[in-house]
Amino acid sequence: MIEFLNNISQKPLQVVDVSIPFKEYVPISLAASNKELTFDISSSKEWEAYLENYFSREKKTVAFGGYLEVRDIYNRSEHFNKLSEENQRNIHLGIDLWCDAGTDILAVLDGEVHSFKNNTNYGDYGPTIIIKHSIEGNEFYSLYGHLSLESLEDISVGKKVKQGDKIGTLGDSSVNGDYAPHLHFQLIIDIEYYYGDYPGVSSKKTLDFYKENCPNPNLLLKLPQETLIEGLSKTI
């Protein structure tokens, strides 16, 4: 499946407003190892201030990264935090794209709406849309989390979407689980029994399964890995 996903398109695929060119993207690390993250990670307002300063410093518009990143931010929420280290969910399974609330969110490929839901746990996705893709006999799903409430108003299960169609907009901290505005974009092979939701963070105990079932979204986005590595080295 990894080879298939990688070969779907030779060009990068976009999931945020196409008027923002890729030259406006910059990698960012939210890993626990990033010594720059000295502010109160439980505060969405401090996250927003940190990102505003980061964008200003880098002279960019969208910050991206996070696949399999180990993060401390989930410790603030009982939805993720478990008593034992083995069961603590803190390994991120998607790519985050941090940009302004209200930014258009786009379907990565042709498909149909599988499900949608407002996941209202503290630290959860908030409004979420999952699209089912069937390409050359291969089925998989793309998840779009931290959307606006308006994104769930004109939508229905089974609705057909085309690659690049606007499916929603980014929400702000009042609706998106109390985060700075960003898109959580994730690929899923087997959706299991989930509806409008799917784990976006894994524990060490379950990581082997989720690494297989949730391949790297950059297989489709194709954000330059060398840029990602260079950018992360500046912030860690």
C-alpha atoms as a PDB file:
ATOM      1  CA  MET A   1       0.000   0.000   0.000  1.00  0.00           C
ATOM      2  CA  ILE A   2       2.866   2.401   0.700  1.00  0.00           C
ATOM      3  CA  GLU A   3       4.178   2.080  -2.853  1.00  0.00           C
ATOM      4  CA  PHE A   4       0.660   2.479  -4.243  1.00  0.00           C
ATOM      5  CA  LEU A   5       0.019   5.656  -2.221  1.00  0.00           C
ATOM      6  CA  ASN A   6       3.379   7.105  -3.186  1.00  0.00           C
ATOM      7  CA  ASN A   7       2.692   6.495  -6.882  1.00  0.00           C
ATOM      8  CA  ILE A   8      -0.835   7.962  -6.988  1.00  0.00           C
ATOM      9  CA  SER A   9       0.632  11.322  -7.944  1.00  0.00           C
ATOM     10  CA  GLN A  10       4.107  12.412  -8.889  1.00  0.00           C
ATOM     11  CA  LYS A  11       3.206  15.969  -7.896  1.00  0.00           C
ATOM     12  CA  PRO A  12       2.498  17.227  -4.359  1.00  0.00           C
ATOM     13  CA  LEU A  13      -1.182  17.142  -3.422  1.00  0.00           C
ATOM     14  CA  GLN A  14      -2.694  20.018  -1.454  1.00  0.00           C
ATOM     15  CA  VAL A  15      -5.140  19.890   1.448  1.00  0.00           C
ATOM     16  CA  VAL A  16      -5.130  23.592   2.359  1.00  0.00           C
ATOM     17  CA  ASP A  17      -6.014  26.632   0.263  1.00  0.00           C
ATOM     18  CA  VAL A  18      -4.321  26.345  -3.145  1.00  0.00           C
ATOM     19  CA  SER A  19      -3.694  30.094  -3.171  1.00  0.00           C
ATOM     20  CA  ILE A  20      -0.954  29.413  -0.594  1.00  0.00           C
ATOM     21  CA  PRO A  21       2.044  28.151  -2.609  1.00  0.00           C
ATOM     22  CA  PHE A  22       4.388  25.499  -1.262  1.00  0.00           C
ATOM     23  CA  LYS A  23       7.144  28.097  -0.945  1.00  0.00           C
ATOM     24  CA  GLU A  24       5.071  29.490   1.941  1.00  0.00           C
ATOM     25  CA  TYR A  25       5.388  26.201   3.899  1.00  0.00           C
ATOM     26  CA  VAL A  26       7.920  25.670   6.658  1.00  0.00           C
ATOM     27  CA  PRO A  27       8.558  22.586   8.819  1.00  0.00           C
ATOM     28  CA  ILE A  28       8.046  22.767  12.560  1.00  0.00           C
ATOM     29  CA  SER A  29       8.695  20.453  15.481  1.00  0.00           C
ATOM     30  CA  LEU A  30       6.265  20.081  18.364  1.00  0.00           C
ATOM     31  CA  ALA A  31       8.205  17.156  19.758  1.00  0.00           C
ATOM     32  CA  ALA A  32       8.897  16.833  23.466  1.00  0.00           C
ATOM     33  CA  SER A  33      12.591  17.117  22.551  1.00  0.00           C
ATOM     34  CA  ASN A  34      12.171  20.622  21.102  1.00  0.00           C
ATOM     35  CA  LYS A  35      13.859  22.831  23.703  1.00  0.00           C
ATOM     36  CA  GLU A  36      12.217  25.918  22.206  1.00  0.00           C
ATOM     37  CA  LEU A  37       8.819  24.887  23.593  1.00  0.00           C
ATOM     38  CA  THR A  38       9.243  26.591  26.958  1.00  0.00           C
ATOM     39  CA  PHE A  39       5.754  28.083  27.249  1.00  0.00           C
ATOM     40  CA  ASP A  40       2.633  26.628  28.900  1.00  0.00           C
ATOM     41  CA  ILE A  41       1.657  23.836  26.524  1.00  0.00           C
ATOM     42  CA  SER A  42      -1.825  23.649  28.085  1.00  0.00           C
ATOM     43  CA  SER A  43      -2.634  27.152  26.799  1.00  0.00           C
ATOM     44  CA  SER A  44      -3.959  27.490  23.232  1.00  0.00           C
ATOM     45  CA  LYS A  45      -3.303  31.236  23.415  1.00  0.00           C
ATOM     46  CA  GLU A  46       0.390  30.660  24.159  1.00  0.00           C
ATOM     47  CA  TRP A  47       0.535  28.160  21.292  1.00  0.00           C
ATOM     48  CA  GLU A  48      -0.932  30.797  18.999  1.00  0.00           C
ATOM     49  CA  ALA A  49       1.603  33.381  20.156  1.00  0.00           C
ATOM     50  CA  TYR A  50       4.447  30.903  19.619  1.00  0.00           C
ATOM     51  CA  LEU A  51       3.248  30.127  16.088  1.00  0.00           C
ATOM     52  CA  GLU A  52       2.762  33.799  15.246  1.00  0.00           C
ATOM     53  CA  ASN A  53       6.360  34.464  16.244  1.00  0.00           C
ATOM     54  CA  TYR A  54       7.524  31.375  14.327  1.00  0.00           C
ATOM     55  CA  PHE A  55       5.770  32.495  11.129  1.00  0.00           C
ATOM     56  CA  SER A  56       7.176  35.984  11.516  1.00  0.00           C
ATOM     57  CA  ARG A  57      10.694  34.679  12.046  1.00  0.00           C
ATOM     58  CA  GLU A  58      10.566  32.234   9.146  1.00  0.00           C
ATOM     59  CA  LYS A  59       8.531  34.579   6.892  1.00  0.00           C
ATOM     60  CA  LYS A  60       6.124  31.754   6.020  1.00  0.00           C
ATOM     61  CA  THR A  61       2.372  31.077   6.176  1.00  0.00           C
ATOM     62  CA  VAL A  62       1.925  27.329   6.838  1.00  0.00           C
ATOM     63  CA  ALA A  63       3.932  25.192   9.268  1.00  0.00           C
ATOM     64  CA  PHE A  64       3.860  21.415   8.851  1.00  0.00           C
ATOM     65  CA  GLY A  65       5.105  18.227  10.432  1.00  0.00           C
ATOM     66  CA  GLY A  66       4.447  15.766  13.194  1.00  0.00           C
ATOM     67  CA  TYR A  67       4.171  12.249  11.772  1.00  0.00           C
ATOM     68  CA  LEU A  68       5.215   9.793  14.528  1.00  0.00           C
ATOM     69  CA  GLU A  69       6.352  12.741  16.647  1.00  0.00           C
ATOM     70  CA  VAL A  70       6.381  12.133  20.411  1.00  0.00           C
ATOM     71  CA  ARG A  71       4.616  15.093  22.034  1.00  0.00           C
ATOM     72  CA  ASP A  72       4.017  16.338  25.580  1.00  0.00           C
ATOM     73  CA  ILE A  73       0.954  18.408  24.715  1.00  0.00           C
ATOM     74  CA  TYR A  74      -1.424  15.474  25.155  1.00  0.00           C
ATOM     75  CA  ASN A  75      -0.527  15.197  28.839  1.00  0.00           C
ATOM     76  CA  ARG A  76      -2.968  18.039  29.532  1.00  0.00           C
ATOM     77  CA  SER A  77      -6.004  15.922  28.601  1.00  0.00           C
ATOM     78  CA  GLU A  78      -7.452  12.842  30.290  1.00  0.00           C
ATOM     79  CA  HIS A  79      -8.644  11.797  26.828  1.00  0.00           C
ATOM     80  CA  PHE A  80      -5.034  10.805  26.059  1.00  0.00           C
ATOM     81  CA  ASN A  81      -3.219  10.548  29.377  1.00  0.00           C
ATOM     82  CA  LYS A  82      -3.070   7.105  30.960  1.00  0.00           C
ATOM     83  CA  LEU A  83      -1.442   5.977  34.175  1.00  0.00           C
ATOM     84  CA  SER A  84       1.282   3.813  32.659  1.00  0.00           C
ATOM     85  CA  GLU A  85       3.916   5.075  30.241  1.00  0.00           C
ATOM     86  CA  GLU A  86       3.232   2.127  27.924  1.00  0.00           C
ATOM     87  CA  ASN A  87      -0.428   3.092  27.542  1.00  0.00           C
ATOM     88  CA  GLN A  88       0.027   6.853  27.330  1.00  0.00           C
ATOM     89  CA  ARG A  89      -1.079   8.113  23.913  1.00  0.00           C
ATOM     90  CA  ASN A  90       1.496  10.684  22.809  1.00  0.00           C
ATOM     91  CA  ILE A  91       2.799   9.555  19.388  1.00  0.00           C
ATOM     92  CA  HIS A  92       1.207  11.570  16.588  1.00  0.00           C
ATOM     93  CA  LEU A  93      -0.174   9.605  13.607  1.00  0.00           C
ATOM     94  CA  GLY A  94      -0.884  12.386  11.109  1.00  0.00           C
ATOM     95  CA  ILE A  95       0.692  15.490   9.667  1.00  0.00           C
ATOM     96  CA  ASP A  96      -0.385  18.815  11.126  1.00  0.00           C
ATOM     97  CA  LEU A  97      -0.602  21.913   8.953  1.00  0.00           C
ATOM     98  CA  TRP A  98      -0.707  25.037  11.124  1.00  0.00           C
ATOM     99  CA  CYS A  99      -2.256  28.130   9.551  1.00  0.00           C
ATOM    100  CA  ASP A 100      -5.019  30.669  10.112  1.00  0.00           C
ATOM    101  CA  ALA A 101      -8.528  29.798  11.278  1.00  0.00           C
ATOM    102  CA  GLY A 102     -10.907  30.004   8.324  1.00  0.00           C
ATOM    103  CA  THR A 103      -8.369  28.616   5.843  1.00  0.00           C
ATOM    104  CA  ASP A 104     -10.030  26.465   3.162  1.00  0.00           C
ATOM    105  CA  ILE A 105      -9.514  22.706   3.543  1.00  0.00           C
ATOM    106  CA  LEU A 106      -9.479  20.545   0.404  1.00  0.00           C
ATOM    107  CA  ALA A 107     -10.100  16.894  -0.430  1.00  0.00           C
ATOM    108  CA  VAL A 108      -6.737  15.301  -1.158  1.00  0.00           C
ATOM    109  CA  LEU A 109      -8.193  12.955  -3.825  1.00  0.00           C
ATOM    110  CA  ASP A 110     -11.514  11.951  -5.390  1.00  0.00           C
ATOM    111  CA  GLY A 111     -13.761  10.107  -2.986  1.00  0.00           C
ATOM    112  CA  GLU A 112     -16.962  10.217  -0.986  1.00  0.00           C
ATOM    113  CA  VAL A 113     -17.803  11.279   2.540  1.00  0.00           C
ATOM    114  CA  HIS A 114     -17.548   8.240   4.808  1.00  0.00           C
ATOM    115  CA  SER A 115     -18.558  10.021   8.016  1.00  0.00           C
ATOM    116  CA  PHE A 116     -18.342  13.232  10.005  1.00  0.00           C
ATOM    117  CA  LYS A 117     -18.677  14.210  13.652  1.00  0.00           C
ATOM    118  CA  ASN A 118     -17.918  16.904  16.192  1.00  0.00           C
ATOM    119  CA  ASN A 119     -15.501  15.207  18.621  1.00  0.00           C
ATOM    120  CA  THR A 120     -15.859  17.411  21.675  1.00  0.00           C
ATOM    121  CA  ASN A 121     -13.498  15.833  24.236  1.00  0.00           C
ATOM    122  CA  TYR A 122     -10.929  18.298  25.566  1.00  0.00           C
ATOM    123  CA  GLY A 123      -7.902  18.039  23.278  1.00  0.00           C
ATOM    124  CA  ASP A 124      -9.859  16.063  20.655  1.00  0.00           C
ATOM    125  CA  TYR A 125     -10.403  16.836  16.956  1.00  0.00           C
ATOM    126  CA  GLY A 126     -13.513  18.957  17.238  1.00  0.00           C
ATOM    127  CA  PRO A 127     -15.344  18.931  13.862  1.00  0.00           C
ATOM    128  CA  THR A 128     -13.978  16.088  11.730  1.00  0.00           C
ATOM    129  CA  ILE A 129     -14.591  14.741   8.227  1.00  0.00           C
ATOM    130  CA  ILE A 130     -13.465  11.345   6.894  1.00  0.00           C
ATOM    131  CA  ILE A 131     -13.392  10.670   3.147  1.00  0.00           C
ATOM    132  CA  LYS A 132     -13.300   7.207   1.601  1.00  0.00           C
ATOM    133  CA  HIS A 133     -11.131   6.725  -1.493  1.00  0.00           C
ATOM    134  CA  SER A 134     -11.354   3.839  -3.960  1.00  0.00           C
ATOM    135  CA  ILE A 135      -8.555   3.928  -6.532  1.00  0.00           C
ATOM    136  CA  GLU A 136      -7.518   1.031  -8.769  1.00  0.00           C
ATOM    137  CA  GLY A 137      -9.171  -1.454  -6.416  1.00  0.00           C
ATOM    138  CA  ASN A 138      -7.496  -0.018  -3.333  1.00  0.00           C
ATOM    139  CA  GLU A 139      -9.605   1.460  -0.537  1.00  0.00           C
ATOM    140  CA  PHE A 140      -8.307   3.852   2.077  1.00  0.00           C
ATOM    141  CA  TYR A 141      -9.473   6.894   4.019  1.00  0.00           C
ATOM    142  CA  SER A 142      -8.334  10.451   4.679  1.00  0.00           C
ATOM    143  CA  LEU A 143      -9.214  12.241   7.914  1.00  0.00           C
ATOM    144  CA  TYR A 144      -9.461  16.021   8.347  1.00  0.00           C
ATOM    145  CA  GLY A 145      -9.603  17.158  11.968  1.00  0.00           C
ATOM    146  CA  HIS A 146      -9.897  20.486  13.823  1.00  0.00           C
ATOM    147  CA  LEU A 147     -12.342  22.014  11.346  1.00  0.00           C
ATOM    148  CA  SER A 148     -14.931  24.748  11.905  1.00  0.00           C
ATOM    149  CA  LEU A 149     -18.487  23.979  12.981  1.00  0.00           C
ATOM    150  CA  GLU A 150     -19.666  25.362   9.627  1.00  0.00           C
ATOM    151  CA  SER A 151     -17.757  22.551   7.887  1.00  0.00           C
ATOM    152  CA  LEU A 152     -20.373  20.060   9.126  1.00  0.00           C
ATOM    153  CA  GLU A 153     -23.430  22.026   7.985  1.00  0.00           C
ATOM    154  CA  ASP A 154     -23.623  21.230   4.267  1.00  0.00           C
ATOM    155  CA  ILE A 155     -22.408  17.642   4.216  1.00  0.00           C
ATOM    156  CA  SER A 156     -23.879  14.164   4.000  1.00  0.00           C
ATOM    157  CA  VAL A 157     -22.597  10.606   4.094  1.00  0.00           C
ATOM    158  CA  GLY A 158     -21.939   9.378   0.560  1.00  0.00           C
ATOM    159  CA  LYS A 159     -21.492  12.863  -0.887  1.00  0.00           C
ATOM    160  CA  LYS A 160     -19.040  12.707  -3.782  1.00  0.00           C
ATOM    161  CA  VAL A 161     -15.996  14.946  -3.731  1.00  0.00           C
ATOM    162  CA  LYS A 162     -13.310  15.631  -6.289  1.00  0.00           C
ATOM    163  CA  GLN A 163      -9.633  16.171  -5.648  1.00  0.00           C
ATOM    164  CA  GLY A 164      -9.153  19.788  -4.620  1.00  0.00           C
ATOM    165  CA  ASP A 165     -12.805  20.404  -3.683  1.00  0.00           C
ATOM    166  CA  LYS A 166     -13.294  22.585  -0.637  1.00  0.00           C
ATOM    167  CA  ILE A 167     -14.725  20.376   2.112  1.00  0.00           C
ATOM    168  CA  GLY A 168     -14.507  22.810   5.023  1.00  0.00           C
ATOM    169  CA  THR A 169     -12.489  25.455   6.818  1.00  0.00           C
ATOM    170  CA  LEU A 170     -10.198  25.434   9.830  1.00  0.00           C
ATOM    171  CA  GLY A 171     -11.726  26.048  13.229  1.00  0.00           C
ATOM    172  CA  ASP A 172     -10.350  28.157  16.041  1.00  0.00           C
ATOM    173  CA  SER A 173      -9.517  27.135  19.604  1.00  0.00           C
ATOM    174  CA  SER A 174     -13.114  27.524  20.764  1.00  0.00           C
ATOM    175  CA  VAL A 175     -14.229  24.520  18.677  1.00  0.00           C
ATOM    176  CA  ASN A 176     -11.112  22.565  17.652  1.00  0.00           C
ATOM    177  CA  GLY A 177     -10.209  20.889  20.948  1.00  0.00           C
ATOM    178  CA  ASP A 178      -8.501  24.024  22.340  1.00  0.00           C
ATOM    179  CA  TYR A 179      -5.525  24.143  19.990  1.00  0.00           C
ATOM    180  CA  ALA A 180      -4.027  26.861  17.852  1.00  0.00           C
ATOM    181  CA  PRO A 181      -5.703  26.563  14.418  1.00  0.00           C
ATOM    182  CA  HIS A 182      -4.372  23.679  12.347  1.00  0.00           C
ATOM    183  CA  LEU A 183      -5.429  20.768  10.175  1.00  0.00           C
ATOM    184  CA  HIS A 184      -4.751  17.238  11.387  1.00  0.00           C
ATOM    185  CA  PHE A 185      -4.465  15.226   8.155  1.00  0.00           C
ATOM    186  CA  GLN A 186      -4.215  11.458   8.451  1.00  0.00           C
ATOM    187  CA  LEU A 187      -4.381   8.420   6.180  1.00  0.00           C
ATOM    188  CA  ILE A 188      -6.142   5.239   7.337  1.00  0.00           C
ATOM    189  CA  ILE A 189      -6.198   1.857   5.609  1.00  0.00           C
ATOM    190  CA  ASP A 190      -8.795   0.053   7.759  1.00  0.00           C
ATOM    191  CA  ILE A 191     -11.305   2.412   9.379  1.00  0.00           C
ATOM    192  CA  GLU A 192     -12.450  -0.459  11.644  1.00  0.00           C
ATOM    193  CA  TYR A 193     -15.716   0.457  13.431  1.00  0.00           C
ATOM    194  CA  TYR A 194     -15.055   4.194  13.694  1.00  0.00           C
ATOM    195  CA  TYR A 195     -17.457   6.860  12.472  1.00  0.00           C
ATOM    196  CA  GLY A 196     -16.401  10.479  12.189  1.00  0.00           C
ATOM    197  CA  ASP A 197     -13.392   9.700  14.333  1.00  0.00           C
ATOM    198  CA  TYR A 198     -10.230   7.613  14.417  1.00  0.00           C
ATOM    199  CA  PRO A 199      -7.270   7.611  16.817  1.00  0.00           C
ATOM    200  CA  GLY A 200      -4.797  10.304  15.802  1.00  0.00           C
ATOM    201  CA  VAL A 201      -2.354   9.577  18.592  1.00  0.00           C
ATOM    202  CA  SER A 202      -0.867   6.206  19.565  1.00  0.00           C
ATOM    203  CA  SER A 203       0.756   4.716  22.619  1.00  0.00           C
ATOM    204  CA  LYS A 204       4.025   2.802  22.454  1.00  0.00           C
ATOM    205  CA  LYS A 205       2.032  -0.383  23.046  1.00  0.00           C
ATOM    206  CA  THR A 206      -0.134   0.031  19.924  1.00  0.00           C
ATOM    207  CA  LEU A 207       2.347   1.813  17.654  1.00  0.00           C
ATOM    208  CA  ASP A 208       3.247  -1.188  15.479  1.00  0.00           C
ATOM    209  CA  PHE A 209      -0.397  -1.577  14.456  1.00  0.00           C
ATOM    210  CA  TYR A 210      -1.013   2.115  13.820  1.00  0.00           C
ATOM    211  CA  LYS A 211       2.198   2.606  11.826  1.00  0.00           C
ATOM    212  CA  GLU A 212       0.887  -0.034   9.411  1.00  0.00           C
ATOM    213  CA  ASN A 213      -2.710   1.179   9.384  1.00  0.00           C
ATOM    214  CA  CYS A 214      -1.886   4.897   9.210  1.00  0.00           C
ATOM    215  CA  PRO A 215       0.935   5.379   6.687  1.00  0.00           C
ATOM    216  CA  ASN A 216       2.792   8.660   6.380  1.00  0.00           C
ATOM    217  CA  PRO A 217       0.493  11.289   4.811  1.00  0.00           C
ATOM    218  CA  ASN A 218       3.542  12.739   3.105  1.00  0.00           C
ATOM    219  CA  LEU A 219       3.266   9.892   0.596  1.00  0.00           C
ATOM    220  CA  LEU A 220       0.547  12.102  -0.911  1.00  0.00           C
ATOM    221  CA  LEU A 221       1.521  15.598   0.200  1.00  0.00           C
ATOM    222  CA  LYS A 222       5.160  15.172  -0.842  1.00  0.00           C
ATOM    223  CA  LEU A 223       6.397  18.078   1.247  1.00  0.00           C
ATOM    224  CA  PRO A 224      10.177  18.106   0.721  1.00  0.00           C
ATOM    225  CA  GLN A 225      11.842  15.788   3.212  1.00  0.00           C
ATOM    226  CA  GLU A 226      15.173  17.599   2.964  1.00  0.00           C
ATOM    227  CA  THR A 227      13.393  20.843   3.875  1.00  0.00           C
ATOM    228  CA  LEU A 228      11.687  19.094   6.763  1.00  0.00           C
ATOM    229  CA  ILE A 229      14.959  17.747   8.110  1.00  0.00           C
ATOM    230  CA  GLU A 230      16.702  21.111   7.767  1.00  0.00           C
ATOM    231  CA  GLY A 231      13.828  22.936   9.434  1.00  0.00           C
ATOM    232  CA  LEU A 232      13.559  20.544  12.331  1.00  0.00           C
ATOM    233  CA  SER A 233      17.285  20.793  12.983  1.00  0.00           C
ATOM    234  CA  LYS A 234      16.846  24.495  13.574  1.00  0.00           C
ATOM    235  CA  THR A 235      14.207  24.071  16.273  1.00  0.00           C
ATOM    236  CA  ILE A 236      15.254  20.956  18.167  1.00  0.00           C
END
